[in-house]
N, C-alpha and C. Protein backbone atom coordinates (compact mmCIF):
# COMPACT_ATOMS: atom_id res chain seq x y z
N MET A 1 235.70 160.29 154.76
CA MET A 1 235.93 159.28 155.48
C MET A 1 236.85 157.94 154.92
N ALA A 2 237.77 157.51 155.57
CA ALA A 2 238.50 156.68 154.71
C ALA A 2 237.63 155.23 154.83
N ILE A 3 237.95 154.20 153.72
CA ILE A 3 237.41 153.04 153.90
C ILE A 3 238.42 151.93 154.25
N ASP A 4 237.72 151.34 155.49
CA ASP A 4 238.61 150.37 156.48
C ASP A 4 238.78 149.18 155.42
N VAL A 5 240.06 148.53 155.11
CA VAL A 5 240.26 147.43 154.44
C VAL A 5 241.08 146.46 155.04
N TYR A 6 240.80 145.07 155.49
CA TYR A 6 242.01 144.30 156.04
C TYR A 6 242.45 143.16 154.73
N ILE A 7 243.70 143.15 154.87
CA ILE A 7 243.99 142.04 153.91
C ILE A 7 244.55 140.92 154.28
N ASP A 8 244.27 139.87 153.77
CA ASP A 8 244.56 138.42 154.23
C ASP A 8 245.93 138.17 153.73
N SER A 9 246.70 137.21 154.31
CA SER A 9 248.08 136.86 153.90
C SER A 9 248.26 136.49 152.66
N CYS A 10 246.95 135.77 152.09
CA CYS A 10 247.00 134.94 150.78
C CYS A 10 246.87 136.21 149.71
N ALA A 11 246.04 137.12 150.09
CA ALA A 11 246.05 138.31 149.16
C ALA A 11 247.27 139.14 148.86
N TRP A 12 248.41 138.83 149.89
CA TRP A 12 249.90 139.68 149.60
C TRP A 12 250.57 138.69 148.53
N ASN A 13 250.17 137.63 148.37
CA ASN A 13 250.78 136.94 147.03
C ASN A 13 250.05 137.32 145.64
N TYR A 14 248.64 137.42 145.65
CA TYR A 14 247.91 138.03 144.55
C TYR A 14 248.53 139.42 144.18
N LEU A 15 248.66 140.26 145.31
CA LEU A 15 249.19 141.69 145.09
C LEU A 15 250.50 141.60 144.42
N TYR A 16 251.59 140.88 145.21
CA TYR A 16 252.79 140.64 144.73
C TYR A 16 253.01 140.22 143.29
N GLU A 17 252.04 139.00 142.94
CA GLU A 17 252.12 138.46 141.38
C GLU A 17 251.71 139.37 140.40
N ASN A 18 251.02 140.31 140.80
CA ASN A 18 250.44 141.36 139.96
C ASN A 18 250.84 142.75 140.02
N MET A 19 252.00 142.63 140.96
CA MET A 19 252.78 144.14 140.95
C MET A 19 252.18 145.05 141.39
N VAL A 20 251.04 145.15 142.28
CA VAL A 20 250.26 146.09 142.87
C VAL A 20 250.84 147.21 143.59
N ASP A 21 250.87 148.38 143.57
CA ASP A 21 251.45 149.25 144.17
C ASP A 21 250.43 149.78 145.13
N LEU A 22 250.44 148.85 146.36
CA LEU A 22 249.41 149.25 147.12
C LEU A 22 249.20 150.74 147.79
N ALA A 23 250.50 151.54 147.61
CA ALA A 23 250.25 153.08 148.37
C ALA A 23 249.20 153.75 147.30
N LYS A 24 249.38 153.34 146.04
CA LYS A 24 248.92 154.02 144.81
C LYS A 24 247.21 153.21 144.50
N GLU A 25 247.48 152.30 144.67
CA GLU A 25 246.22 151.40 144.53
C GLU A 25 245.05 151.77 145.30
N LEU A 26 245.45 151.81 146.74
CA LEU A 26 244.73 152.08 147.91
C LEU A 26 244.94 153.36 148.61
N PRO A 27 245.03 154.64 147.92
CA PRO A 27 245.78 155.92 148.76
C PRO A 27 245.11 156.08 149.97
N GLN A 28 246.13 156.56 150.86
CA GLN A 28 245.77 156.65 152.12
C GLN A 28 244.52 157.86 152.23
N SER A 29 244.42 158.71 151.57
CA SER A 29 243.26 159.73 151.46
C SER A 29 241.88 159.24 151.38
N GLN A 30 241.87 157.78 150.74
CA GLN A 30 240.43 156.96 150.68
C GLN A 30 240.46 155.91 151.46
N PHE A 31 241.53 155.27 151.70
CA PHE A 31 241.64 153.82 152.42
C PHE A 31 242.38 154.02 153.66
N SER A 32 241.83 153.01 154.80
CA SER A 32 242.94 152.62 155.76
C SER A 32 243.27 151.24 155.78
N ILE A 33 244.25 150.96 155.84
CA ILE A 33 244.70 149.59 155.38
C ILE A 33 244.92 148.71 156.68
N HIS A 34 244.70 147.67 157.27
CA HIS A 34 245.13 146.89 158.10
C HIS A 34 245.18 145.48 157.75
N VAL A 35 246.09 144.99 158.99
CA VAL A 35 246.03 143.16 159.09
C VAL A 35 245.55 142.86 160.36
N THR A 36 245.28 141.89 160.54
CA THR A 36 244.92 141.56 162.20
C THR A 36 246.02 140.97 162.54
N ARG A 37 246.35 140.84 163.69
CA ARG A 37 247.63 140.31 164.58
C ARG A 37 248.17 138.97 164.11
N GLU A 38 246.74 138.18 163.81
CA GLU A 38 247.31 136.82 163.38
C GLU A 38 247.65 136.75 161.85
N VAL A 39 247.16 137.86 161.19
CA VAL A 39 247.92 137.63 159.89
C VAL A 39 249.21 138.43 159.82
N GLU A 40 249.60 139.16 160.62
CA GLU A 40 250.77 139.50 160.89
C GLU A 40 251.81 138.46 161.27
N ILE A 41 251.34 137.63 162.17
CA ILE A 41 252.31 136.32 162.59
C ILE A 41 252.24 135.42 161.21
N GLU A 42 251.30 135.31 160.44
CA GLU A 42 251.49 134.42 159.36
C GLU A 42 252.55 135.05 158.42
N LEU A 43 252.43 136.52 158.11
CA LEU A 43 253.38 137.06 157.38
C LEU A 43 254.69 136.92 157.70
N GLY A 44 255.07 137.05 159.18
CA GLY A 44 256.29 136.95 159.61
C GLY A 44 256.70 135.77 159.54
N ALA A 45 255.95 134.53 159.10
CA ALA A 45 256.55 133.41 159.39
C ALA A 45 256.61 132.76 157.83
N ILE A 46 256.79 133.41 157.34
CA ILE A 46 257.08 133.02 155.65
C ILE A 46 258.51 132.92 155.60
N PRO A 47 258.85 131.78 154.85
CA PRO A 47 260.13 131.27 154.97
C PRO A 47 260.89 131.90 153.63
N ASP A 48 262.32 131.88 153.74
CA ASP A 48 263.25 132.57 152.58
C ASP A 48 262.83 131.68 151.27
N VAL A 49 262.56 130.41 151.67
CA VAL A 49 262.71 129.14 150.77
C VAL A 49 261.30 128.48 150.79
N GLY A 50 260.18 128.46 149.86
CA GLY A 50 258.90 127.52 150.21
C GLY A 50 259.33 125.97 150.09
N CYS A 51 258.30 125.49 150.80
CA CYS A 51 258.09 124.03 150.58
C CYS A 51 258.54 123.21 149.19
N ASP A 52 258.24 123.98 148.22
CA ASP A 52 258.26 123.56 146.78
C ASP A 52 259.85 124.20 146.28
N GLY A 53 260.45 124.92 147.18
CA GLY A 53 262.03 125.19 146.56
C GLY A 53 261.81 126.70 145.97
N THR A 54 260.74 127.36 145.80
CA THR A 54 260.73 128.46 145.32
C THR A 54 261.37 129.78 146.37
N ASP A 55 261.96 130.69 145.81
CA ASP A 55 262.34 131.63 146.60
C ASP A 55 261.45 132.61 146.96
N LYS A 56 261.33 132.98 148.31
CA LYS A 56 260.06 133.63 148.80
C LYS A 56 260.86 135.09 149.24
N THR A 57 262.27 135.36 149.04
CA THR A 57 262.55 136.69 149.48
C THR A 57 262.19 137.90 148.89
N LEU A 58 261.87 137.78 147.59
CA LEU A 58 261.36 139.05 146.86
C LEU A 58 259.73 139.33 147.56
N LEU A 59 258.87 138.01 147.62
CA LEU A 59 257.73 138.43 148.19
C LEU A 59 257.67 138.96 149.61
N LYS A 60 258.73 138.56 150.31
CA LYS A 60 258.90 139.14 151.53
C LYS A 60 259.15 140.49 151.58
N ALA A 61 260.15 140.92 150.79
CA ALA A 61 260.68 142.14 150.64
C ALA A 61 259.41 143.05 150.18
N TYR A 62 258.38 142.72 149.25
CA TYR A 62 257.37 143.52 148.85
C TYR A 62 256.43 143.48 149.99
N ILE A 63 256.17 142.55 150.47
CA ILE A 63 255.18 142.69 151.79
C ILE A 63 255.59 144.00 152.81
N LYS A 64 257.06 143.46 153.06
CA LYS A 64 257.57 144.69 153.98
C LYS A 64 257.53 146.19 153.81
N GLN A 65 257.77 146.30 152.20
CA GLN A 65 257.69 147.50 151.58
C GLN A 65 256.15 147.98 151.46
N GLY A 66 255.30 147.06 151.23
CA GLY A 66 253.78 147.79 151.08
C GLY A 66 253.15 148.04 152.51
N ILE A 67 253.90 147.26 153.41
CA ILE A 67 253.46 147.58 154.74
C ILE A 67 253.88 149.20 155.08
N SER A 68 255.17 149.13 155.02
CA SER A 68 255.48 150.80 155.24
C SER A 68 254.92 151.84 154.34
N SER A 69 254.78 151.63 152.99
CA SER A 69 254.57 152.69 152.23
C SER A 69 252.98 153.10 152.10
N ALA A 70 252.36 151.99 152.42
CA ALA A 70 250.70 152.31 152.22
C ALA A 70 250.19 153.10 153.37
N PRO A 71 250.46 153.45 154.53
CA PRO A 71 250.92 152.24 155.40
C PRO A 71 250.03 151.23 156.02
N VAL A 72 250.25 150.33 156.30
CA VAL A 72 249.27 149.28 156.79
C VAL A 72 249.49 149.04 158.31
N LYS A 73 248.23 149.08 159.25
CA LYS A 73 248.38 148.90 160.57
C LYS A 73 248.18 147.47 160.92
N THR A 74 248.61 147.10 162.10
CA THR A 74 248.13 145.88 162.85
C THR A 74 247.08 146.31 163.65
N SER A 75 246.09 145.53 163.67
CA SER A 75 245.20 145.46 164.89
C SER A 75 244.94 144.46 165.76
N TYR A 76 244.98 144.38 166.90
CA TYR A 76 244.87 143.66 168.08
C TYR A 76 243.70 143.66 168.53
N VAL A 77 243.07 142.60 169.28
CA VAL A 77 242.17 142.41 170.19
C VAL A 77 242.60 142.81 171.49
N PHE A 78 241.90 143.32 172.44
CA PHE A 78 242.43 143.67 173.81
C PHE A 78 242.76 142.37 174.64
N GLY A 79 243.53 142.00 175.27
CA GLY A 79 243.80 140.92 176.12
C GLY A 79 245.24 140.97 176.51
N PHE A 80 245.57 139.97 177.45
CA PHE A 80 246.88 139.85 178.04
C PHE A 80 247.70 138.56 177.76
N LYS A 81 247.22 137.53 177.70
CA LYS A 81 247.81 136.34 177.43
C LYS A 81 247.04 135.26 176.61
N THR A 82 247.71 134.95 175.49
CA THR A 82 247.03 134.06 174.84
C THR A 82 247.17 132.47 175.29
N LEU A 83 246.05 131.69 175.35
CA LEU A 83 246.22 130.72 176.01
C LEU A 83 245.72 129.47 174.81
N GLU A 84 246.39 128.27 174.90
CA GLU A 84 245.90 127.14 174.18
C GLU A 84 244.64 126.83 174.77
N PRO A 85 243.70 125.91 173.67
CA PRO A 85 242.74 125.28 174.13
C PRO A 85 242.85 124.52 175.55
N ASP A 86 243.99 123.70 175.71
CA ASP A 86 244.24 123.04 176.97
C ASP A 86 244.64 124.13 178.12
N GLY A 87 244.85 125.36 178.09
CA GLY A 87 244.80 126.36 179.17
C GLY A 87 246.34 126.66 179.40
N THR A 88 247.24 126.06 178.61
CA THR A 88 248.67 126.61 178.66
C THR A 88 248.99 127.86 177.79
N GLN A 89 249.79 128.34 178.10
CA GLN A 89 250.12 129.84 177.35
C GLN A 89 250.92 129.37 175.98
N SER A 90 249.96 130.01 175.02
CA SER A 90 250.74 129.67 173.57
C SER A 90 251.94 130.46 173.51
N PRO A 91 252.74 130.04 172.42
CA PRO A 91 254.02 130.72 172.16
C PRO A 91 253.82 131.88 171.32
N VAL A 92 252.60 131.68 170.69
CA VAL A 92 252.15 133.08 169.65
C VAL A 92 251.18 133.92 170.35
N GLN A 93 251.54 135.23 170.87
CA GLN A 93 250.47 135.98 171.54
C GLN A 93 249.88 136.95 170.42
N VAL A 94 248.45 136.78 170.46
CA VAL A 94 247.94 137.45 169.35
C VAL A 94 247.07 138.75 170.15
N TYR A 95 247.06 138.86 171.38
CA TYR A 95 246.38 139.89 171.92
C TYR A 95 247.43 141.00 172.21
N GLY A 96 246.67 142.35 171.93
CA GLY A 96 247.30 143.51 172.48
C GLY A 96 246.94 144.02 173.91
N GLY A 97 247.84 144.66 174.83
CA GLY A 97 247.23 145.18 176.01
C GLY A 97 246.86 146.38 176.10
N PHE A 98 246.96 147.30 177.23
CA PHE A 98 246.33 148.88 177.02
C PHE A 98 247.47 149.60 175.77
N ASN A 99 246.51 150.26 175.54
CA ASN A 99 246.75 151.35 174.42
C ASN A 99 247.31 150.59 173.01
N VAL A 100 246.97 149.25 173.19
CA VAL A 100 247.50 148.52 171.84
C VAL A 100 246.03 147.73 171.33
N GLY A 101 245.57 146.93 172.15
CA GLY A 101 244.50 146.14 171.64
C GLY A 101 243.08 146.99 171.82
N THR A 102 241.97 146.51 170.98
CA THR A 102 240.51 147.36 171.13
C THR A 102 239.73 146.10 171.54
N CYS A 103 238.64 146.50 172.31
CA CYS A 103 237.67 145.47 172.65
C CYS A 103 237.27 145.06 171.38
N GLN A 104 236.94 143.69 171.70
CA GLN A 104 236.02 142.71 170.38
C GLN A 104 234.69 143.20 170.38
N SER A 105 234.37 143.70 169.38
CA SER A 105 232.51 144.07 169.09
C SER A 105 231.83 142.72 169.78
N ASN A 106 230.55 143.05 170.08
CA ASN A 106 229.42 142.11 170.13
C ASN A 106 229.30 141.26 169.00
N GLU A 107 229.24 141.84 167.79
CA GLU A 107 229.43 140.93 166.59
C GLU A 107 230.40 140.01 166.27
N GLU A 108 231.48 140.64 166.89
CA GLU A 108 232.92 139.65 166.54
C GLU A 108 232.72 138.48 167.70
N ARG A 109 232.41 138.88 168.98
CA ARG A 109 232.06 137.85 169.82
C ARG A 109 231.18 136.90 169.28
N ASN A 110 230.03 137.21 169.03
CA ASN A 110 229.06 136.28 168.59
C ASN A 110 229.46 135.18 167.69
N PHE A 111 230.04 136.06 166.51
CA PHE A 111 230.82 135.32 165.53
C PHE A 111 231.69 134.20 166.16
N TYR A 112 232.59 134.37 166.77
CA TYR A 112 233.71 133.28 167.47
C TYR A 112 232.69 132.46 168.46
N ALA A 113 231.61 132.68 168.93
CA ALA A 113 230.79 131.66 169.62
C ALA A 113 230.10 130.75 168.87
N LYS A 114 229.99 130.74 167.27
CA LYS A 114 229.21 130.25 166.63
C LYS A 114 229.99 128.41 166.73
N PRO A 115 228.95 127.69 166.71
CA PRO A 115 229.42 126.46 166.78
C PRO A 115 230.65 125.82 165.89
N GLU A 116 230.34 126.51 164.58
CA GLU A 116 230.68 125.94 163.38
C GLU A 116 232.35 126.25 163.42
N ILE A 117 232.42 127.96 163.98
CA ILE A 117 233.56 128.38 164.14
C ILE A 117 234.62 127.63 165.18
N LYS A 118 234.21 127.47 166.39
CA LYS A 118 234.71 126.72 167.28
C LYS A 118 235.22 125.49 166.79
N GLN A 119 234.26 124.82 166.16
CA GLN A 119 234.93 123.50 165.53
C GLN A 119 235.67 123.53 164.72
N GLN A 120 235.89 124.58 163.94
CA GLN A 120 236.98 125.02 162.72
C GLN A 120 238.47 125.40 163.65
N LEU A 121 237.90 126.04 164.60
CA LEU A 121 239.36 126.48 165.22
C LEU A 121 240.03 125.42 165.99
N LEU A 122 238.89 124.28 166.52
CA LEU A 122 239.84 123.35 167.29
C LEU A 122 240.24 122.20 166.42
N SER A 123 239.83 121.77 165.42
CA SER A 123 240.30 120.82 164.40
C SER A 123 241.65 121.32 163.75
N GLY A 124 242.62 120.48 163.50
CA GLY A 124 243.64 120.41 162.76
C GLY A 124 244.82 120.75 163.65
N LYS A 125 245.86 120.60 163.09
CA LYS A 125 247.33 120.89 163.58
C LYS A 125 247.61 122.31 163.56
N LYS A 126 248.48 122.93 164.49
CA LYS A 126 249.03 124.16 164.35
C LYS A 126 249.77 124.37 162.99
N ALA A 127 249.73 125.41 162.53
CA ALA A 127 250.59 125.89 161.31
C ALA A 127 252.04 126.20 161.91
N LYS A 128 252.86 126.32 160.91
CA LYS A 128 254.43 126.44 161.29
C LYS A 128 254.60 127.88 162.02
N SER A 129 253.68 128.64 161.70
CA SER A 129 253.49 130.17 162.27
C SER A 129 253.23 129.98 163.81
N GLY A 130 252.78 129.03 164.20
CA GLY A 130 252.22 128.76 165.67
C GLY A 130 250.77 129.02 165.94
N LEU A 131 250.23 129.77 165.02
CA LEU A 131 248.82 129.65 164.86
C LEU A 131 248.15 128.20 164.62
N GLY A 132 246.92 128.11 165.37
CA GLY A 132 245.86 127.20 165.11
C GLY A 132 245.50 127.20 163.71
N LYS A 133 244.89 125.92 163.39
CA LYS A 133 244.09 125.94 162.13
C LYS A 133 242.80 127.16 162.09
N ASN A 134 242.88 127.58 161.13
CA ASN A 134 241.71 128.57 160.57
C ASN A 134 241.78 129.95 161.71
N GLN A 135 242.80 130.14 162.38
CA GLN A 135 242.89 130.91 163.40
C GLN A 135 243.07 132.65 162.57
N ALA A 136 243.77 132.78 161.61
CA ALA A 136 243.97 133.90 160.99
C ALA A 136 242.85 134.07 160.21
N ASP A 137 242.09 133.03 159.41
CA ASP A 137 240.84 133.18 158.86
C ASP A 137 239.82 133.59 159.55
N ALA A 138 239.91 133.20 160.93
CA ALA A 138 238.55 133.54 161.64
C ALA A 138 238.76 135.09 162.00
N SER A 139 239.96 135.65 162.37
CA SER A 139 240.06 137.00 162.76
C SER A 139 239.66 137.61 161.89
N LEU A 140 240.04 137.65 160.35
CA LEU A 140 239.53 138.25 159.26
C LEU A 140 237.90 137.73 159.15
N ALA A 141 237.48 136.93 159.19
CA ALA A 141 236.15 136.73 158.95
C ALA A 141 235.41 137.38 159.89
N ALA A 142 235.87 137.61 161.09
CA ALA A 142 235.01 138.33 162.20
C ALA A 142 235.00 139.71 161.85
N LYS A 143 236.27 140.48 161.16
CA LYS A 143 236.33 141.76 160.87
C LYS A 143 235.37 142.12 159.73
N SER A 144 235.29 140.92 159.15
CA SER A 144 234.53 141.21 157.57
C SER A 144 233.14 141.65 157.92
N LEU A 145 232.56 141.36 159.10
CA LEU A 145 230.94 141.51 159.59
C LEU A 145 231.20 143.20 159.52
N SER A 146 232.05 144.01 159.82
CA SER A 146 231.90 145.20 159.91
C SER A 146 232.94 146.35 158.82
N THR A 147 233.95 145.39 158.29
CA THR A 147 234.89 146.27 157.20
C THR A 147 235.04 145.24 156.38
N ILE A 148 235.70 145.70 155.17
CA ILE A 148 235.82 144.85 153.89
C ILE A 148 237.19 144.19 154.16
N VAL A 149 237.24 142.69 153.80
CA VAL A 149 238.45 142.22 153.92
C VAL A 149 238.89 141.43 152.28
N LEU A 150 240.31 141.72 151.85
CA LEU A 150 240.64 141.12 150.63
C LEU A 150 241.26 139.94 151.02
N THR A 151 240.77 139.13 149.85
CA THR A 151 241.50 137.64 150.07
C THR A 151 241.67 137.38 148.81
N ASN A 152 242.50 136.25 148.59
CA ASN A 152 242.69 135.48 147.49
C ASN A 152 242.31 133.99 147.56
N GLU A 153 241.52 133.77 148.80
CA GLU A 153 240.81 132.39 149.01
C GLU A 153 239.88 132.12 147.71
N ARG A 154 239.50 130.88 147.51
CA ARG A 154 238.39 131.04 146.41
C ARG A 154 236.88 130.91 147.17
N MET A 155 236.00 131.49 146.47
CA MET A 155 234.57 131.54 147.35
C MET A 155 233.90 130.27 147.63
N ASN A 156 234.44 129.25 147.24
CA ASN A 156 233.73 128.19 147.87
C ASN A 156 234.64 127.45 148.76
N LYS A 157 235.72 127.82 148.97
CA LYS A 157 236.66 127.26 150.14
C LYS A 157 235.81 127.02 151.37
N VAL A 158 235.67 125.81 151.89
CA VAL A 158 234.86 125.87 153.36
C VAL A 158 235.73 126.57 154.49
N GLY A 159 235.14 127.24 155.25
CA GLY A 159 236.11 127.89 156.42
C GLY A 159 235.32 128.99 157.05
N PRO A 160 236.04 129.77 157.86
CA PRO A 160 235.55 130.77 158.10
C PRO A 160 235.09 132.02 157.34
N LEU A 161 235.85 132.23 156.52
CA LEU A 161 235.87 133.26 155.42
C LEU A 161 234.35 132.96 154.76
N LYS A 162 234.09 131.59 154.33
CA LYS A 162 232.82 131.38 153.70
C LYS A 162 231.87 131.66 154.38
N LEU A 163 231.84 130.99 155.87
CA LEU A 163 230.57 131.33 156.73
C LEU A 163 230.24 132.78 156.91
N ALA A 164 231.51 133.30 157.04
CA ALA A 164 231.11 134.85 157.42
C ALA A 164 230.54 135.70 156.12
N ASN A 165 231.00 135.35 154.93
CA ASN A 165 230.53 135.65 153.47
C ASN A 165 228.93 135.46 153.61
N ALA A 166 228.54 134.28 153.72
CA ALA A 166 227.25 133.74 153.98
C ALA A 166 226.58 134.53 154.90
N LEU A 167 227.07 135.03 155.77
CA LEU A 167 226.39 135.83 157.08
C LEU A 167 226.29 137.30 156.68
N GLY A 168 226.81 137.69 155.60
CA GLY A 168 226.73 139.27 154.92
C GLY A 168 227.78 139.83 155.20
N GLY A 169 229.28 139.07 155.61
CA GLY A 169 230.33 139.70 155.68
C GLY A 169 230.76 140.44 154.36
N LYS A 170 231.66 141.29 154.46
CA LYS A 170 232.23 142.28 153.60
C LYS A 170 233.42 141.64 152.88
N MET A 171 233.50 140.31 152.36
CA MET A 171 234.58 139.59 151.64
C MET A 171 234.68 140.10 150.57
N VAL A 172 235.88 140.23 149.97
CA VAL A 172 236.24 140.61 148.49
C VAL A 172 237.22 139.63 148.11
N TYR A 173 236.68 138.86 147.11
CA TYR A 173 237.81 137.85 146.44
C TYR A 173 238.30 138.18 145.10
N LEU A 174 239.75 138.15 145.57
CA LEU A 174 240.50 138.75 144.32
C LEU A 174 240.07 138.26 142.77
N GLN A 175 240.33 136.77 143.11
CA GLN A 175 240.03 136.09 141.73
C GLN A 175 238.84 136.04 141.16
N ASP A 176 237.98 135.79 142.11
CA ASP A 176 236.57 135.31 141.86
C ASP A 176 235.58 136.76 141.68
N GLN A 177 235.91 137.84 142.23
CA GLN A 177 235.16 139.11 141.92
C GLN A 177 235.67 139.98 141.46
N VAL A 178 237.22 140.61 141.75
CA VAL A 178 237.63 141.89 141.32
C VAL A 178 238.06 141.54 139.77
N GLU A 179 238.80 140.50 139.68
CA GLU A 179 239.45 140.37 138.33
C GLU A 179 238.16 140.17 137.19
N PRO A 180 237.14 139.51 137.65
CA PRO A 180 236.12 139.54 136.63
C PRO A 180 235.39 140.68 136.22
N SER A 181 235.24 141.50 137.07
CA SER A 181 234.90 142.82 137.20
C SER A 181 235.48 143.52 136.16
N GLY A 182 236.57 143.52 135.96
CA GLY A 182 237.62 144.47 135.10
C GLY A 182 237.81 145.77 135.65
N LEU A 183 237.43 145.90 137.17
CA LEU A 183 238.00 147.35 137.79
C LEU A 183 239.30 146.90 138.60
N SER A 184 239.87 148.09 138.85
CA SER A 184 241.10 147.89 139.71
C SER A 184 240.58 147.73 141.07
N ILE A 185 241.41 147.42 141.96
CA ILE A 185 240.91 146.61 143.13
C ILE A 185 240.18 148.11 143.82
N GLY A 186 241.00 149.30 143.72
CA GLY A 186 240.38 150.43 144.47
C GLY A 186 239.28 150.94 144.19
N ASN A 187 239.07 150.73 142.57
CA ASN A 187 237.41 151.12 142.19
C ASN A 187 236.67 150.23 142.60
N TYR A 188 236.89 148.91 142.51
CA TYR A 188 235.86 147.94 143.08
C TYR A 188 235.63 147.94 144.59
N LEU A 189 236.43 148.40 145.30
CA LEU A 189 236.21 148.77 146.69
C LEU A 189 235.30 150.00 146.72
N THR A 190 235.72 150.87 146.15
CA THR A 190 234.99 152.15 146.33
C THR A 190 233.38 152.08 145.68
N SER A 191 233.13 151.19 144.69
CA SER A 191 232.05 150.77 144.27
C SER A 191 231.05 149.92 145.23
N MET A 192 231.71 149.38 146.47
CA MET A 192 230.94 148.59 147.36
C MET A 192 230.34 149.66 148.25
N THR A 193 230.84 150.71 148.46
CA THR A 193 230.35 151.87 149.55
C THR A 193 229.52 152.89 148.87
């Protein structure tokens, strides 16, 4: 049975910088690779030129190629309309309807119901992607309670990923865990199961 792995948007930067061939590193015979809809939105919002003036076109091409060759599937939570906290319709739709979205597990619903997560989702400004602060991280954090999540966040960064990790989530920190281990990403993930 394939090992499910979700990839955080910041992990794509790490994979690109280290020129990881995702299809070879996490072969389809062993791994099933996913992004949440929220991460897909973040990836789609990467500009051609970063705010520091760096060219992002090669990164975007790498991500596009990695998604198609690995292949990487997008997971949606079942729903019909994404609403803002004030009840208005959001310009960014994260839910998937019939034959697209899956029901959120009790474990994921309970995670989203935690006061800390609610507070982290309601604080701060919207990102340029149209997502709320911590929205993509919360989607991954909830998934980590049942599957592996690859991230390039630092282990001590406060937010949904750190909370999920403290609750026993299967977070894999590329810089803080995989690099020091000396193992390849695939071997590290295999050693966890």
